[in-house]
Amino acid sequence: MSDQKYGEEFQRVGKDGFDAAVRSFGEVNKGLQAIAAEVTDYSKKSFEDGTRAFEQLLSAKSFGQVIEIQSQYARMVYEAHVAEWSKIAEMYAGLTRNAYKPVERVDSQAGSPHRLRSV
């Protein structure tokens, strides 16, 4: 293979790697936007739930009712929190998988017969 062929092949490999990195960063961006939207929605819902619980506490007629409202609210918040952060952990795992796919494709192509060969 001539020096010119090596140069062209080297440029192609460099371009493929750069393109994969750009696609990977795009996937990271999309994933982080989705996670930010999810956290925002969860925060809004949590605030609304807290406001509703506070209103219920204000309208409670007895100390027993206050304890019951607070207990129900604490249980609901705990369950919602665990479910939400499990969902977000899955979103991060998906983000990682999706961000790696473009790099993985280029890496698998590097193992093909078209990769640079040493002389």
PDB file of N, CA and C in Angstrom:
ATOM      1  N   MET A   1       0.852  -1.167   0.000  1.00  0.00           N
ATOM      2  CA  MET A   1       0.000   0.000   0.000  1.00  0.00           C
ATOM      3  C   MET A   1       0.897   1.227   0.000  1.00  0.00           C
ATOM      4  N   SER A   2       0.564   2.189  -0.812  1.00  0.00           N
ATOM      5  CA  SER A   2       1.402   3.378  -0.930  1.00  0.00           C
ATOM      6  C   SER A   2       1.167   4.321   0.242  1.00  0.00           C
ATOM      7  N   ASP A   3       2.098   5.273   0.375  1.00  0.00           N
ATOM      8  CA  ASP A   3       1.973   6.274   1.442  1.00  0.00           C
ATOM      9  C   ASP A   3       0.692   7.085   1.288  1.00  0.00           C
ATOM     10  N   GLN A   4       0.312   7.353   0.047  1.00  0.00           N
ATOM     11  CA  GLN A   4      -0.913   8.124  -0.190  1.00  0.00           C
ATOM     12  C   GLN A   4      -2.132   7.339   0.294  1.00  0.00           C
ATOM     13  N   LYS A   5      -2.149   6.027   0.036  1.00  0.00           N
ATOM     14  CA  LYS A   5      -3.251   5.177   0.481  1.00  0.00           C
ATOM     15  C   LYS A   5      -3.333   5.166   2.007  1.00  0.00           C
ATOM     16  N   TYR A   6      -2.151   5.063   2.672  1.00  0.00           N
ATOM     17  CA  TYR A   6      -2.126   5.106   4.136  1.00  0.00           C
ATOM     18  C   TYR A   6      -2.676   6.434   4.643  1.00  0.00           C
ATOM     19  N   GLY A   7      -2.292   7.509   3.985  1.00  0.00           N
ATOM     20  CA  GLY A   7      -2.770   8.831   4.387  1.00  0.00           C
ATOM     21  C   GLY A   7      -4.273   8.943   4.244  1.00  0.00           C
ATOM     22  N   GLU A   8      -4.807   8.457   3.131  1.00  0.00           N
ATOM     23  CA  GLU A   8      -6.254   8.497   2.913  1.00  0.00           C
ATOM     24  C   GLU A   8      -6.977   7.629   3.934  1.00  0.00           C
ATOM     25  N   GLU A   9      -6.422   6.463   4.186  1.00  0.00           N
ATOM     26  CA  GLU A   9      -7.030   5.558   5.160  1.00  0.00           C
ATOM     27  C   GLU A   9      -6.986   6.173   6.560  1.00  0.00           C
ATOM     28  N   PHE A  10      -5.892   6.782   6.899  1.00  0.00           N
ATOM     29  CA  PHE A  10      -5.747   7.443   8.197  1.00  0.00           C
ATOM     30  C   PHE A  10      -6.779   8.570   8.332  1.00  0.00           C
ATOM     31  N   GLN A  11      -6.972   9.352   7.282  1.00  0.00           N
ATOM     32  CA  GLN A  11      -7.965  10.428   7.308  1.00  0.00           C
ATOM     33  C   GLN A  11      -9.375   9.861   7.467  1.00  0.00           C
ATOM     34  N   ARG A  12      -9.663   8.777   6.774  1.00  0.00           N
ATOM     35  CA  ARG A  12     -10.989   8.167   6.877  1.00  0.00           C
ATOM     36  C   ARG A  12     -11.260   7.680   8.293  1.00  0.00           C
ATOM     37  N   VAL A  13     -10.262   7.019   8.860  1.00  0.00           N
ATOM     38  CA  VAL A  13     -10.426   6.512  10.228  1.00  0.00           C
ATOM     39  C   VAL A  13     -10.611   7.681  11.206  1.00  0.00           C
ATOM     40  N   GLY A  14      -9.836   8.739  11.034  1.00  0.00           N
ATOM     41  CA  GLY A  14      -9.981   9.908  11.895  1.00  0.00           C
ATOM     42  C   GLY A  14     -11.349  10.549  11.762  1.00  0.00           C
ATOM     43  N   LYS A  15     -11.838  10.657  10.521  1.00  0.00           N
ATOM     44  CA  LYS A  15     -13.164  11.248  10.274  1.00  0.00           C
ATOM     45  C   LYS A  15     -14.250  10.371  10.887  1.00  0.00           C
ATOM     46  N   ASP A  16     -14.129   9.054  10.711  1.00  0.00           N
ATOM     47  CA  ASP A  16     -15.117   8.139  11.289  1.00  0.00           C
ATOM     48  C   ASP A  16     -15.154   8.265  12.811  1.00  0.00           C
ATOM     49  N   GLY A  17     -13.992   8.360  13.421  1.00  0.00           N
ATOM     50  CA  GLY A  17     -13.930   8.521  14.876  1.00  0.00           C
ATOM     51  C   GLY A  17     -14.536   9.831  15.335  1.00  0.00           C
ATOM     52  N   PHE A  18     -14.249  10.897  14.606  1.00  0.00           N
ATOM     53  CA  PHE A  18     -14.812  12.205  14.959  1.00  0.00           C
ATOM     54  C   PHE A  18     -16.327  12.188  14.794  1.00  0.00           C
ATOM     55  N   ASP A  19     -16.814  11.627  13.691  1.00  0.00           N
ATOM     56  CA  ASP A  19     -18.257  11.539  13.463  1.00  0.00           C
ATOM     57  C   ASP A  19     -18.940  10.726  14.563  1.00  0.00           C
ATOM     58  N   ALA A  20     -18.310   9.648  14.980  1.00  0.00           N
ATOM     59  CA  ALA A  20     -18.866   8.827  16.065  1.00  0.00           C
ATOM     60  C   ALA A  20     -18.927   9.621  17.367  1.00  0.00           C
ATOM     61  N   ALA A  21     -17.888  10.396  17.639  1.00  0.00           N
ATOM     62  CA  ALA A  21     -17.874  11.211  18.863  1.00  0.00           C
ATOM     63  C   ALA A  21     -18.984  12.250  18.825  1.00  0.00           C
ATOM     64  N   VAL A  22     -19.196  12.879  17.674  1.00  0.00           N
ATOM     65  CA  VAL A  22     -20.258  13.890  17.549  1.00  0.00           C
ATOM     66  C   VAL A  22     -21.627  13.238  17.754  1.00  0.00           C
ATOM     67  N   ARG A  23     -21.850  12.078  17.141  1.00  0.00           N
ATOM     68  CA  ARG A  23     -23.125  11.376  17.327  1.00  0.00           C
ATOM     69  C   ARG A  23     -23.296  10.959  18.791  1.00  0.00           C
ATOM     70  N   SER A  24     -22.219  10.528  19.410  1.00  0.00           N
ATOM     71  CA  SER A  24     -22.277  10.124  20.810  1.00  0.00           C
ATOM     72  C   SER A  24     -22.640  11.309  21.709  1.00  0.00           C
ATOM     73  N   PHE A  25     -22.017  12.453  21.468  1.00  0.00           N
ATOM     74  CA  PHE A  25     -22.347  13.648  22.257  1.00  0.00           C
ATOM     75  C   PHE A  25     -23.796  14.069  22.027  1.00  0.00           C
ATOM     76  N   GLY A  26     -24.287  13.890  20.806  1.00  0.00           N
ATOM     77  CA  GLY A  26     -25.696  14.184  20.528  1.00  0.00           C
ATOM     78  C   GLY A  26     -26.622  13.293  21.336  1.00  0.00           C
ATOM     79  N   GLU A  27     -26.284  12.011  21.438  1.00  0.00           N
ATOM     80  CA  GLU A  27     -27.085  11.078  22.238  1.00  0.00           C
ATOM     81  C   GLU A  27     -27.052  11.458  23.720  1.00  0.00           C
ATOM     82  N   VAL A  28     -25.884  11.864  24.202  1.00  0.00           N
ATOM     83  CA  VAL A  28     -25.770  12.294  25.602  1.00  0.00           C
ATOM     84  C   VAL A  28     -26.657  13.511  25.835  1.00  0.00           C
ATOM     85  N   ASN A  29     -26.624  14.447  24.910  1.00  0.00           N
ATOM     86  CA  ASN A  29     -27.440  15.658  25.025  1.00  0.00           C
ATOM     87  C   ASN A  29     -28.925  15.313  25.088  1.00  0.00           C
ATOM     88  N   LYS A  30     -29.383  14.446  24.187  1.00  0.00           N
ATOM     89  CA  LYS A  30     -30.799  14.053  24.194  1.00  0.00           C
ATOM     90  C   LYS A  30     -31.161  13.356  25.498  1.00  0.00           C
ATOM     91  N   GLY A  31     -30.285  12.480  25.961  1.00  0.00           N
ATOM     92  CA  GLY A  31     -30.555  11.760  27.198  1.00  0.00           C
ATOM     93  C   GLY A  31     -30.621  12.676  28.411  1.00  0.00           C
ATOM     94  N   LEU A  32     -29.702  13.621  28.480  1.00  0.00           N
ATOM     95  CA  LEU A  32     -29.700  14.557  29.616  1.00  0.00           C
ATOM     96  C   LEU A  32     -30.916  15.475  29.572  1.00  0.00           C
ATOM     97  N   GLN A  33     -31.357  15.859  28.383  1.00  0.00           N
ATOM     98  CA  GLN A  33     -32.571  16.673  28.278  1.00  0.00           C
ATOM     99  C   GLN A  33     -33.788  15.891  28.769  1.00  0.00           C
ATOM    100  N   ALA A  34     -33.861  14.622  28.403  1.00  0.00           N
ATOM    101  CA  ALA A  34     -34.975  13.793  28.855  1.00  0.00           C
ATOM    102  C   ALA A  34     -34.956  13.629  30.377  1.00  0.00           C
ATOM    103  N   ILE A  35     -33.775  13.435  30.932  1.00  0.00           N
ATOM    104  CA  ILE A  35     -33.655  13.293  32.388  1.00  0.00           C
ATOM    105  C   ILE A  35     -34.035  14.601  33.079  1.00  0.00           C
ATOM    106  N   ALA A  36     -33.583  15.719  32.546  1.00  0.00           N
ATOM    107  CA  ALA A  36     -33.934  17.024  33.135  1.00  0.00           C
ATOM    108  C   ALA A  36     -35.444  17.251  33.093  1.00  0.00           C
ATOM    109  N   ALA A  37     -36.087  16.880  31.998  1.00  0.00           N
ATOM    110  CA  ALA A  37     -37.538  17.025  31.894  1.00  0.00           C
ATOM    111  C   ALA A  37     -38.240  16.137  32.920  1.00  0.00           C
ATOM    112  N   GLU A  38     -37.737  14.924  33.087  1.00  0.00           N
ATOM    113  CA  GLU A  38     -38.326  13.995  34.056  1.00  0.00           C
ATOM    114  C   GLU A  38     -38.182  14.527  35.484  1.00  0.00           C
ATOM    115  N   VAL A  39     -37.006  15.037  35.825  1.00  0.00           N
ATOM    116  CA  VAL A  39     -36.784  15.586  37.168  1.00  0.00           C
ATOM    117  C   VAL A  39     -37.671  16.813  37.398  1.00  0.00           C
ATOM    118  N   THR A  40     -37.832  17.639  36.375  1.00  0.00           N
ATOM    119  CA  THR A  40     -38.700  18.812  36.487  1.00  0.00           C
ATOM    120  C   THR A  40     -40.144  18.394  36.749  1.00  0.00           C
ATOM    121  N   ASP A  41     -40.634  17.416  35.985  1.00  0.00           N
ATOM    122  CA  ASP A  41     -42.003  16.935  36.186  1.00  0.00           C
ATOM    123  C   ASP A  41     -42.175  16.345  37.582  1.00  0.00           C
ATOM    124  N   TYR A  42     -41.189  15.574  38.024  1.00  0.00           N
ATOM    125  CA  TYR A  42     -41.258  14.987  39.361  1.00  0.00           C
ATOM    126  C   TYR A  42     -41.265  16.070  40.439  1.00  0.00           C
ATOM    127  N   SER A  43     -40.456  17.095  40.254  1.00  0.00           N
ATOM    128  CA  SER A  43     -40.405  18.186  41.235  1.00  0.00           C
ATOM    129  C   SER A  43     -41.744  18.911  41.319  1.00  0.00           C
ATOM    130  N   LYS A  44     -42.354  19.169  40.171  1.00  0.00           N
ATOM    131  CA  LYS A  44     -43.669  19.823  40.161  1.00  0.00           C
ATOM    132  C   LYS A  44     -44.700  18.972  40.881  1.00  0.00           C
ATOM    133  N   LYS A  45     -44.702  17.674  40.568  1.00  0.00           N
ATOM    134  CA  LYS A  45     -45.660  16.768  41.192  1.00  0.00           C
ATOM    135  C   LYS A  45     -45.420  16.690  42.696  1.00  0.00           C
ATOM    136  N   SER A  46     -44.169  16.636  43.108  1.00  0.00           N
ATOM    137  CA  SER A  46     -43.853  16.582  44.541  1.00  0.00           C
ATOM    138  C   SER A  46     -44.332  17.835  45.255  1.00  0.00           C
ATOM    139  N   PHE A  47     -44.131  18.978  44.627  1.00  0.00           N
ATOM    140  CA  PHE A  47     -44.585  20.235  45.231  1.00  0.00           C
ATOM    141  C   PHE A  47     -46.107  20.237  45.369  1.00  0.00           C
ATOM    142  N   GLU A  48     -46.803  19.801  44.316  1.00  0.00           N
ATOM    143  CA  GLU A  48     -48.269  19.755  44.366  1.00  0.00           C
ATOM    144  C   GLU A  48     -48.750  18.789  45.446  1.00  0.00           C
ATOM    145  N   ASP A  49     -48.099  17.631  45.557  1.00  0.00           N
ATOM    146  CA  ASP A  49     -48.465  16.667  46.594  1.00  0.00           C
ATOM    147  C   ASP A  49     -48.226  17.232  47.984  1.00  0.00           C
ATOM    148  N   GLY A  50     -47.105  17.935  48.164  1.00  0.00           N
ATOM    149  CA  GLY A  50     -46.805  18.548  49.463  1.00  0.00           C
ATOM    150  C   GLY A  50     -47.812  19.627  49.823  1.00  0.00           C
ATOM    151  N   THR A  51     -48.200  20.427  48.835  1.00  0.00           N
ATOM    152  CA  THR A  51     -49.192  21.479  49.059  1.00  0.00           C
ATOM    153  C   THR A  51     -50.539  20.865  49.445  1.00  0.00           C
ATOM    154  N   ARG A  52     -50.921  19.807  48.734  1.00  0.00           N
ATOM    155  CA  ARG A  52     -52.186  19.124  49.033  1.00  0.00           C
ATOM    156  C   ARG A  52     -52.161  18.550  50.451  1.00  0.00           C
ATOM    157  N   ALA A  53     -51.050  17.947  50.842  1.00  0.00           N
ATOM    158  CA  ALA A  53     -50.939  17.367  52.188  1.00  0.00           C
ATOM    159  C   ALA A  53     -51.006  18.464  53.253  1.00  0.00           C
ATOM    160  N   PHE A  54     -50.359  19.597  52.959  1.00  0.00           N
ATOM    161  CA  PHE A  54     -50.396  20.708  53.910  1.00  0.00           C
ATOM    162  C   PHE A  54     -51.828  21.227  54.086  1.00  0.00           C
ATOM    163  N   GLU A  55     -52.559  21.329  52.974  1.00  0.00           N
ATOM    164  CA  GLU A  55     -53.954  21.772  53.056  1.00  0.00           C
ATOM    165  C   GLU A  55     -54.790  20.787  53.862  1.00  0.00           C
ATOM    166  N   GLN A  56     -54.532  19.494  53.681  1.00  0.00           N
ATOM    167  CA  GLN A  56     -55.243  18.485  54.455  1.00  0.00           C
ATOM    168  C   GLN A  56     -54.908  18.598  55.944  1.00  0.00           C
ATOM    169  N   LEU A  57     -53.644  18.884  56.233  1.00  0.00           N
ATOM    170  CA  LEU A  57     -53.248  19.049  57.637  1.00  0.00           C
ATOM    171  C   LEU A  57     -53.958  20.240  58.270  1.00  0.00           C
ATOM    172  N   LEU A  58     -54.081  21.312  57.499  1.00  0.00           N
ATOM    173  CA  LEU A  58     -54.759  22.503  58.032  1.00  0.00           C
ATOM    174  C   LEU A  58     -56.242  22.256  58.302  1.00  0.00           C
ATOM    175  N   SER A  59     -56.841  21.348  57.548  1.00  0.00           N
ATOM    176  CA  SER A  59     -58.271  21.089  57.727  1.00  0.00           C
ATOM    177  C   SER A  59     -58.541  19.917  58.673  1.00  0.00           C
ATOM    178  N   ALA A  60     -57.499  19.344  59.238  1.00  0.00           N
ATOM    179  CA  ALA A  60     -57.679  18.213  60.150  1.00  0.00           C
ATOM    180  C   ALA A  60     -58.424  18.661  61.406  1.00  0.00           C
ATOM    181  N   LYS A  61     -59.321  17.803  61.877  1.00  0.00           N
ATOM    182  CA  LYS A  61     -60.158  18.123  63.041  1.00  0.00           C
ATOM    183  C   LYS A  61     -59.584  17.604  64.353  1.00  0.00           C
ATOM    184  N   SER A  62     -58.638  16.659  64.245  1.00  0.00           N
ATOM    185  CA  SER A  62     -58.085  16.103  65.480  1.00  0.00           C
ATOM    186  C   SER A  62     -56.609  15.774  65.274  1.00  0.00           C
ATOM    187  N   PHE A  63     -55.953  15.559  66.413  1.00  0.00           N
ATOM    188  CA  PHE A  63     -54.544  15.189  66.354  1.00  0.00           C
ATOM    189  C   PHE A  63     -54.378  13.834  65.664  1.00  0.00           C
ATOM    190  N   GLY A  64     -55.308  12.930  65.843  1.00  0.00           N
ATOM    191  CA  GLY A  64     -55.279  11.621  65.193  1.00  0.00           C
ATOM    192  C   GLY A  64     -55.321  11.759  63.670  1.00  0.00           C
ATOM    193  N   GLN A  65     -56.142  12.692  63.192  1.00  0.00           N
ATOM    194  CA  GLN A  65     -56.214  12.945  61.757  1.00  0.00           C
ATOM    195  C   GLN A  65     -54.883  13.500  61.235  1.00  0.00           C
ATOM    196  N   VAL A  66     -54.265  14.363  62.017  1.00  0.00           N
ATOM    197  CA  VAL A  66     -52.971  14.933  61.625  1.00  0.00           C
ATOM    198  C   VAL A  66     -51.938  13.816  61.467  1.00  0.00           C
ATOM    199  N   ILE A  67     -51.891  12.916  62.426  1.00  0.00           N
ATOM    200  CA  ILE A  67     -50.947  11.794  62.372  1.00  0.00           C
ATOM    201  C   ILE A  67     -51.239  10.917  61.158  1.00  0.00           C
ATOM    202  N   GLU A  68     -52.514  10.630  60.908  1.00  0.00           N
ATOM    203  CA  GLU A  68     -52.895   9.786  59.767  1.00  0.00           C
ATOM    204  C   GLU A  68     -52.520  10.460  58.440  1.00  0.00           C
ATOM    205  N   ILE A  69     -52.802  11.740  58.282  1.00  0.00           N
ATOM    206  CA  ILE A  69     -52.466  12.477  57.049  1.00  0.00           C
ATOM    207  C   ILE A  69     -50.955  12.485  56.839  1.00  0.00           C
ATOM    208  N   GLN A  70     -50.223  12.757  57.911  1.00  0.00           N
ATOM    209  CA  GLN A  70     -48.767  12.816  57.804  1.00  0.00           C
ATOM    210  C   GLN A  70     -48.200  11.447  57.469  1.00  0.00           C
ATOM    211  N   SER A  71     -48.736  10.398  58.058  1.00  0.00           N
ATOM    212  CA  SER A  71     -48.256   9.038  57.781  1.00  0.00           C
ATOM    213  C   SER A  71     -48.519   8.644  56.329  1.00  0.00           C
ATOM    214  N   GLN A  72     -49.719   8.942  55.843  1.00  0.00           N
ATOM    215  CA  GLN A  72     -50.049   8.638  54.444  1.00  0.00           C
ATOM    216  C   GLN A  72     -49.143   9.421  53.490  1.00  0.00           C
ATOM    217  N   TYR A  73     -48.926  10.673  53.820  1.00  0.00           N
ATOM    218  CA  TYR A  73     -48.078  11.509  52.966  1.00  0.00           C
ATOM    219  C   TYR A  73     -46.636  10.979  52.961  1.00  0.00           C
ATOM    220  N   ALA A  74     -46.105  10.618  54.116  1.00  0.00           N
ATOM    221  CA  ALA A  74     -44.736  10.100  54.198  1.00  0.00           C
ATOM    222  C   ALA A  74     -44.595   8.805  53.404  1.00  0.00           C
ATOM    223  N   ARG A  75     -45.576   7.925  53.501  1.00  0.00           N
ATOM    224  CA  ARG A  75     -45.538   6.664  52.753  1.00  0.00           C
ATOM    225  C   ARG A  75     -45.584   6.949  51.240  1.00  0.00           C
ATOM    226  N   MET A  76     -46.490   7.848  50.824  1.00  0.00           N
ATOM    227  CA  MET A  76     -46.623   8.178  49.413  1.00  0.00           C
ATOM    228  C   MET A  76     -45.337   8.814  48.873  1.00  0.00           C
ATOM    229  N   VAL A  77     -44.739   9.722  49.638  1.00  0.00           N
ATOM    230  CA  VAL A  77     -43.513  10.388  49.204  1.00  0.00           C
ATOM    231  C   VAL A  77     -42.372   9.381  49.069  1.00  0.00           C
ATOM    232  N   TYR A  78     -42.254   8.495  50.020  1.00  0.00           N
ATOM    233  CA  TYR A  78     -41.190   7.482  49.969  1.00  0.00           C
ATOM    234  C   TYR A  78     -41.346   6.599  48.731  1.00  0.00           C
ATOM    235  N   GLU A  79     -42.548   6.086  48.513  1.00  0.00           N
ATOM    236  CA  GLU A  79     -42.780   5.210  47.364  1.00  0.00           C
ATOM    237  C   GLU A  79     -42.549   5.939  46.044  1.00  0.00           C
ATOM    238  N   ALA A  80     -43.030   7.171  45.953  1.00  0.00           N
ATOM    239  CA  ALA A  80     -42.840   7.950  44.727  1.00  0.00           C
ATOM    240  C   ALA A  80     -41.365   8.246  44.498  1.00  0.00           C
ATOM    241  N   HIS A  81     -40.650   8.551  45.565  1.00  0.00           N
ATOM    242  CA  HIS A  81     -39.225   8.870  45.453  1.00  0.00           C
ATOM    243  C   HIS A  81     -38.427   7.655  44.963  1.00  0.00           C
ATOM    244  N   VAL A  82     -38.674   6.508  45.552  1.00  0.00           N
ATOM    245  CA  VAL A  82     -37.969   5.291  45.149  1.00  0.00           C
ATOM    246  C   VAL A  82     -38.295   4.956  43.694  1.00  0.00           C
ATOM    247  N   ALA A  83     -39.560   5.046  43.309  1.00  0.00           N
ATOM    248  CA  ALA A  83     -39.956   4.739  41.935  1.00  0.00           C
ATOM    249  C   ALA A  83     -39.321   5.721  40.947  1.00  0.00           C
ATOM    250  N   GLU A  84     -39.328   6.995  41.303  1.00  0.00           N
ATOM    251  CA  GLU A  84     -38.788   8.012  40.395  1.00  0.00           C
ATOM    252  C   GLU A  84     -37.290   7.846  40.197  1.00  0.00           C
ATOM    253  N   TRP A  85     -36.562   7.609  41.260  1.00  0.00           N
ATOM    254  CA  TRP A  85     -35.111   7.492  41.114  1.00  0.00           C
ATOM    255  C   TRP A  85     -34.710   6.164  40.476  1.00  0.00           C
ATOM    256  N   SER A  86     -35.552   5.158  40.592  1.00  0.00           N
ATOM    257  CA  SER A  86     -35.309   3.922  39.835  1.00  0.00           C
ATOM    258  C   SER A  86     -35.484   4.204  38.345  1.00  0.00           C
ATOM    259  N   LYS A  87     -36.521   4.965  38.021  1.00  0.00           N
ATOM    260  CA  LYS A  87     -36.768   5.337  36.624  1.00  0.00           C
ATOM    261  C   LYS A  87     -35.611   6.177  36.082  1.00  0.00           C
ATOM    262  N   ILE A  88     -35.124   7.113  36.855  1.00  0.00           N
ATOM    263  CA  ILE A  88     -34.019   7.967  36.412  1.00  0.00           C
ATOM    264  C   ILE A  88     -32.735   7.145  36.264  1.00  0.00           C
ATOM    265  N   ALA A  89     -32.524   6.188  37.150  1.00  0.00           N
ATOM    266  CA  ALA A  89     -31.350   5.314  37.010  1.00  0.00           C
ATOM    267  C   ALA A  89     -31.423   4.538  35.696  1.00  0.00           C
ATOM    268  N   GLU A  90     -32.619   4.064  35.336  1.00  0.00           N
ATOM    269  CA  GLU A  90     -32.802   3.379  34.052  1.00  0.00           C
ATOM    270  C   GLU A  90     -32.547   4.334  32.883  1.00  0.00           C
ATOM    271  N   MET A  91     -32.958   5.577  33.036  1.00  0.00           N
ATOM    272  CA  MET A  91     -32.725   6.563  31.975  1.00  0.00           C
ATOM    273  C   MET A  91     -31.223   6.805  31.790  1.00  0.00           C
ATOM    274  N   TYR A  92     -30.490   6.882  32.885  1.00  0.00           N
ATOM    275  CA  TYR A  92     -29.031   7.047  32.794  1.00  0.00           C
ATOM    276  C   TYR A  92     -28.380   5.826  32.141  1.00  0.00           C
ATOM    277  N   ALA A  93     -28.868   4.635  32.480  1.00  0.00           N
ATOM    278  CA  ALA A  93     -28.324   3.425  31.856  1.00  0.00           C
ATOM    279  C   ALA A  93     -28.602   3.434  30.353  1.00  0.00           C
ATOM    280  N   GLY A  94     -29.808   3.838  29.966  1.00  0.00           N
ATOM    281  CA  GLY A  94     -30.143   3.945  28.549  1.00  0.00           C
ATOM    282  C   GLY A  94     -29.304   4.992  27.851  1.00  0.00           C
ATOM    283  N   LEU A  95     -29.083   6.114  28.526  1.00  0.00           N
ATOM    284  CA  LEU A  95     -28.235   7.172  27.965  1.00  0.00           C
ATOM    285  C   LEU A  95     -26.838   6.629  27.686  1.00  0.00           C
ATOM    286  N   THR A  96     -26.301   5.882  28.622  1.00  0.00           N
ATOM    287  CA  THR A  96     -24.961   5.315  28.448  1.00  0.00           C
ATOM    288  C   THR A  96     -24.922   4.341  27.274  1.00  0.00           C
ATOM    289  N   ARG A  97     -25.926   3.476  27.195  1.00  0.00           N
ATOM    290  CA  ARG A  97     -25.983   2.526  26.074  1.00  0.00           C
ATOM    291  C   ARG A  97     -26.075   3.260  24.740  1.00  0.00           C
ATOM    292  N   ASN A  98     -26.975   4.242  24.656  1.00  0.00           N
ATOM    293  CA  ASN A  98     -27.173   4.970  23.400  1.00  0.00           C
ATOM    294  C   ASN A  98     -25.959   5.798  23.017  1.00  0.00           C
ATOM    295  N   ALA A  99     -25.282   6.363  23.995  1.00  0.00           N
ATOM    296  CA  ALA A  99     -24.096   7.180  23.704  1.00  0.00           C
ATOM    297  C   ALA A  99     -22.936   6.313  23.238  1.00  0.00           C
ATOM    298  N   TYR A 100     -22.909   5.056  23.657  1.00  0.00           N
ATOM    299  CA  TYR A 100     -21.800   4.180  23.279  1.00  0.00           C
ATOM    300  C   TYR A 100     -21.997   3.547  21.901  1.00  0.00           C
ATOM    301  N   LYS A 101     -23.236   3.457  21.432  1.00  0.00           N
ATOM    302  CA  LYS A 101     -23.507   2.781  20.157  1.00  0.00           C
ATOM    303  C   LYS A 101     -22.698   3.329  18.980  1.00  0.00           C
ATOM    304  N   PRO A 102     -22.639   4.669  18.766  1.00  0.00           N
ATOM    305  CA  PRO A 102     -21.838   5.161  17.629  1.00  0.00           C
ATOM    306  C   PRO A 102     -20.356   4.795  17.751  1.00  0.00           C
ATOM    307  N   VAL A 103     -19.835   4.843  18.954  1.00  0.00           N
ATOM    308  CA  VAL A 103     -18.429   4.502  19.175  1.00  0.00           C
ATOM    309  C   VAL A 103     -18.221   3.011  18.953  1.00  0.00           C
ATOM    310  N   GLU A 104     -19.179   2.210  19.387  1.00  0.00           N
ATOM    311  CA  GLU A 104     -19.084   0.764  19.224  1.00  0.00           C
ATOM    312  C   GLU A 104     -19.070   0.388  17.743  1.00  0.00           C
ATOM    313  N   ARG A 105     -19.902   1.079  16.946  1.00  0.00           N
ATOM    314  CA  ARG A 105     -19.925   0.789  15.506  1.00  0.00           C
ATOM    315  C   ARG A 105     -18.568   1.059  14.870  1.00  0.00           C
ATOM    316  N   VAL A 106     -17.971   2.199  15.198  1.00  0.00           N
ATOM    317  CA  VAL A 106     -16.661   2.537  14.641  1.00  0.00           C
ATOM    318  C   VAL A 106     -15.616   1.549  15.131  1.00  0.00           C
ATOM    319  N   ASP A 107     -15.719   1.172  16.390  1.00  0.00           N
ATOM    320  CA  ASP A 107     -14.769   0.220  16.955  1.00  0.00           C
ATOM    321  C   ASP A 107     -14.882  -1.140  16.261  1.00  0.00           C
ATOM    322  N   SER A 108     -16.110  -1.559  15.980  1.00  0.00           N
ATOM    323  CA  SER A 108     -16.273  -2.849  15.303  1.00  0.00           C
ATOM    324  C   SER A 108     -15.771  -2.781  13.862  1.00  0.00           C
ATOM    325  N   GLN A 109     -15.892  -1.615  13.238  1.00  0.00           N
ATOM    326  CA  GLN A 109     -15.377  -1.448  11.879  1.00  0.00           C
ATOM    327  C   GLN A 109     -13.848  -1.474  11.873  1.00  0.00           C
ATOM    328  N   ALA A 110     -13.257  -1.042  12.959  1.00  0.00           N
ATOM    329  CA  ALA A 110     -11.798  -1.047  13.048  1.00  0.00           C
ATOM    330  C   ALA A 110     -11.264  -2.472  12.994  1.00  0.00           C
ATOM    331  N   GLY A 111     -12.081  -3.419  13.365  1.00  0.00           N
ATOM    332  CA  GLY A 111     -11.686  -4.808  13.298  1.00  0.00           C
ATOM    333  C   GLY A 111     -11.907  -5.398  11.914  1.00  0.00           C
ATOM    334  N   SER A 112     -12.490  -4.634  11.012  1.00  0.00           N
ATOM    335  CA  SER A 112     -12.774  -5.137   9.668  1.00  0.00           C
ATOM    336  C   SER A 112     -11.532  -5.095   8.798  1.00  0.00           C
ATOM    337  N   PRO A 113     -11.580  -5.688   7.620  1.00  0.00           N
ATOM    338  CA  PRO A 113     -10.426  -5.703   6.735  1.00  0.00           C
ATOM    339  C   PRO A 113     -10.004  -4.308   6.261  1.00  0.00           C
ATOM    340  N   HIS A 114     -10.865  -3.311   6.452  1.00  0.00           N
ATOM    341  CA  HIS A 114     -10.555  -1.961   5.970  1.00  0.00           C
ATOM    342  C   HIS A 114      -9.720  -1.146   6.944  1.00  0.00           C
ATOM    343  N   ARG A 115      -9.410  -1.709   8.080  1.00  0.00           N
ATOM    344  CA  ARG A 115      -8.648  -0.930   9.050  1.00  0.00           C
ATOM    345  C   ARG A 115      -7.191  -0.823   8.610  1.00  0.00           C
ATOM    346  N   LEU A 116      -6.496   0.107   9.214  1.00  0.00           N
ATOM    347  CA  LEU A 116      -5.081   0.295   8.872  1.00  0.00           C
ATOM    348  C   LEU A 116      -4.285  -0.945   9.248  1.00  0.00           C
ATOM    349  N   ARG A 117      -3.405  -1.314   8.405  1.00  0.00           N
ATOM    350  CA  ARG A 117      -2.552  -2.490   8.669  1.00  0.00           C
ATOM    351  C   ARG A 117      -1.101  -2.030   8.809  1.00  0.00           C
ATOM    352  N   SER A 118      -0.406  -2.651   9.687  1.00  0.00           N
ATOM    353  CA  SER A 118       1.022  -2.321   9.804  1.00  0.00           C
ATOM    354  C   SER A 118       1.783  -3.024   8.679  1.00  0.00           C
ATOM    355  N   VAL A 119       2.861  -2.415   8.267  1.00  0.00           N
ATOM    356  CA  VAL A 119       3.632  -2.949   7.152  1.00  0.00           C
ATOM    357  C   VAL A 119       4.515  -4.065   7.566  1.00  0.00           C
TER     358      VAL A 119
END
